[in-house]
Amino acid sequence: MVTKYPDGVFDYKVLVTGGYHFVDKTMMIKDVCDSYGKVILYTRPRRFGKSINLSMLDYFFNIRYRGAPDLFGE
C-alpha cells in the first residue's frame, strides 16, 4: 500500500475521502464553539494546516453542505 501525503491538498473533503494521512484536528471545532471572542486568531508557521483547518470548519458549519456525505463520522 502506498502512503499518500496531502502535499498541495487544501480541501478537507478531498483530504478525508482521498485516503490521505493527516493529523486529525476535529477537536478544534469544540474550541471554536467554546470561544467567546468576536475574532479567533490562529497563528502558525507555514505548512502547519491553517487552510485545511479553515476548510474543515467550512464543511462543519456551512449549511451549503447539508445532506452531503458525513466527513466527521467515526
C-alpha atoms as a PDB file:
ATOM      1  CA  MET A   1       0.000   0.000   0.000  1.00  0.00           C
ATOM      2  CA  VAL A   2       1.320   3.418  -0.968  1.00  0.00           C
ATOM      3  CA  THR A   3       1.281   6.114   1.704  1.00  0.00           C
ATOM      4  CA  LYS A   4      -0.339   9.294   0.408  1.00  0.00           C
ATOM      5  CA  TYR A   5       0.624  12.616   1.962  1.00  0.00           C
ATOM      6  CA  PRO A   6      -1.523  15.701   1.250  1.00  0.00           C
ATOM      7  CA  ASP A   7       1.091  17.885  -0.417  1.00  0.00           C
ATOM      8  CA  GLY A   8      -0.846  20.707  -2.054  1.00  0.00           C
ATOM      9  CA  VAL A   9      -4.282  19.498  -0.879  1.00  0.00           C
ATOM     10  CA  PHE A  10      -6.264  22.322   0.721  1.00  0.00           C
ATOM     11  CA  ASP A  11      -9.792  20.865   0.688  1.00  0.00           C
ATOM     12  CA  TYR A  12     -10.906  18.910   3.764  1.00  0.00           C
ATOM     13  CA  LYS A  13     -13.312  16.700   1.791  1.00  0.00           C
ATOM     14  CA  VAL A  14     -10.579  15.678  -0.660  1.00  0.00           C
ATOM     15  CA  LEU A  15      -8.262  15.009   2.270  1.00  0.00           C
ATOM     16  CA  VAL A  16     -10.739  12.728   4.084  1.00  0.00           C
ATOM     17  CA  THR A  17     -12.202  10.897   1.093  1.00  0.00           C
ATOM     18  CA  GLY A  18      -8.902  10.612  -0.784  1.00  0.00           C
ATOM     19  CA  GLY A  19      -7.256   8.307   1.740  1.00  0.00           C
ATOM     20  CA  TYR A  20      -4.514  10.736   2.734  1.00  0.00           C
ATOM     21  CA  HIS A  21      -2.596  10.543   6.005  1.00  0.00           C
ATOM     22  CA  PHE A  22      -3.132  13.616   8.153  1.00  0.00           C
ATOM     23  CA  VAL A  23      -3.353  14.760  11.771  1.00  0.00           C
ATOM     24  CA  ASP A  24      -6.991  14.804  12.898  1.00  0.00           C
ATOM     25  CA  LYS A  25      -7.748  18.241  14.338  1.00  0.00           C
ATOM     26  CA  THR A  26     -11.534  17.964  14.524  1.00  0.00           C
ATOM     27  CA  MET A  27     -11.445  18.689  18.274  1.00  0.00           C
ATOM     28  CA  MET A  28     -10.576  22.240  17.223  1.00  0.00           C
ATOM     29  CA  ILE A  29     -14.278  22.629  16.339  1.00  0.00           C
ATOM     30  CA  LYS A  30     -15.109  22.379  20.050  1.00  0.00           C
ATOM     31  CA  ASP A  31     -12.525  25.070  20.820  1.00  0.00           C
ATOM     32  CA  VAL A  32     -14.126  27.355  18.241  1.00  0.00           C
ATOM     33  CA  CYS A  33     -17.620  26.733  19.635  1.00  0.00           C
ATOM     34  CA  ASP A  34     -16.463  27.327  23.212  1.00  0.00           C
ATOM     35  CA  SER A  35     -14.666  30.598  22.438  1.00  0.00           C
ATOM     36  CA  TYR A  36     -16.390  33.813  23.440  1.00  0.00           C
ATOM     37  CA  GLY A  37     -14.472  36.341  21.341  1.00  0.00           C
ATOM     38  CA  LYS A  38     -15.691  38.008  18.196  1.00  0.00           C
ATOM     39  CA  VAL A  39     -12.478  37.097  16.414  1.00  0.00           C
ATOM     40  CA  ILE A  40     -10.386  33.940  16.659  1.00  0.00           C
ATOM     41  CA  LEU A  41      -6.768  34.221  15.587  1.00  0.00           C
ATOM     42  CA  TYR A  42      -4.720  31.080  14.933  1.00  0.00           C
ATOM     43  CA  THR A  43      -1.137  31.888  14.086  1.00  0.00           C
ATOM     44  CA  ARG A  44       1.024  29.052  12.863  1.00  0.00           C
ATOM     45  CA  PRO A  45       4.131  28.815  10.691  1.00  0.00           C
ATOM     46  CA  ARG A  46       3.930  27.866   7.047  1.00  0.00           C
ATOM     47  CA  ARG A  47       2.724  24.335   6.261  1.00  0.00           C
ATOM     48  CA  PHE A  48       1.001  23.816   9.652  1.00  0.00           C
ATOM     49  CA  GLY A  49      -2.523  23.224   8.292  1.00  0.00           C
ATOM     50  CA  LYS A  50      -4.188  26.638   8.551  1.00  0.00           C
ATOM     51  CA  SER A  51      -6.011  26.289   5.218  1.00  0.00           C
ATOM     52  CA  ILE A  52      -7.085  22.703   5.934  1.00  0.00           C
ATOM     53  CA  ASN A  53      -8.450  23.780   9.337  1.00  0.00           C
ATOM     54  CA  LEU A  54     -10.471  26.580   7.732  1.00  0.00           C
ATOM     55  CA  SER A  55     -11.782  24.147   5.125  1.00  0.00           C
ATOM     56  CA  MET A  56     -12.743  21.716   7.910  1.00  0.00           C
ATOM     57  CA  LEU A  57     -14.655  24.474   9.741  1.00  0.00           C
ATOM     58  CA  ASP A  58     -16.368  25.427   6.484  1.00  0.00           C
ATOM     59  CA  TYR A  59     -17.582  21.860   5.889  1.00  0.00           C
ATOM     60  CA  PHE A  60     -18.755  21.578   9.501  1.00  0.00           C
ATOM     61  CA  PHE A  61     -20.677  24.869   9.824  1.00  0.00           C
ATOM     62  CA  ASN A  62     -21.775  25.755   6.283  1.00  0.00           C
ATOM     63  CA  ILE A  63     -25.420  24.972   5.506  1.00  0.00           C
ATOM     64  CA  ARG A  64     -24.472  24.520   1.852  1.00  0.00           C
ATOM     65  CA  TYR A  65     -23.053  21.052   2.690  1.00  0.00           C
ATOM     66  CA  ARG A  66     -26.176  19.772   4.467  1.00  0.00           C
ATOM     67  CA  GLY A  67     -27.048  16.330   3.151  1.00  0.00           C
ATOM     68  CA  ALA A  68     -23.507  15.753   1.883  1.00  0.00           C
ATOM     69  CA  PRO A  69     -21.650  12.618   2.970  1.00  0.00           C
ATOM     70  CA  ASP A  70     -20.616  12.751   6.616  1.00  0.00           C
ATOM     71  CA  LEU A  71     -16.951  13.744   6.834  1.00  0.00           C
ATOM     72  CA  PHE A  72     -16.873  13.785  10.628  1.00  0.00           C
ATOM     73  CA  GLY A  73     -18.104  10.280  11.467  1.00  0.00           C
ATOM     74  CA  GLU A  74     -16.057   7.568  13.059  1.00  0.00           C
END
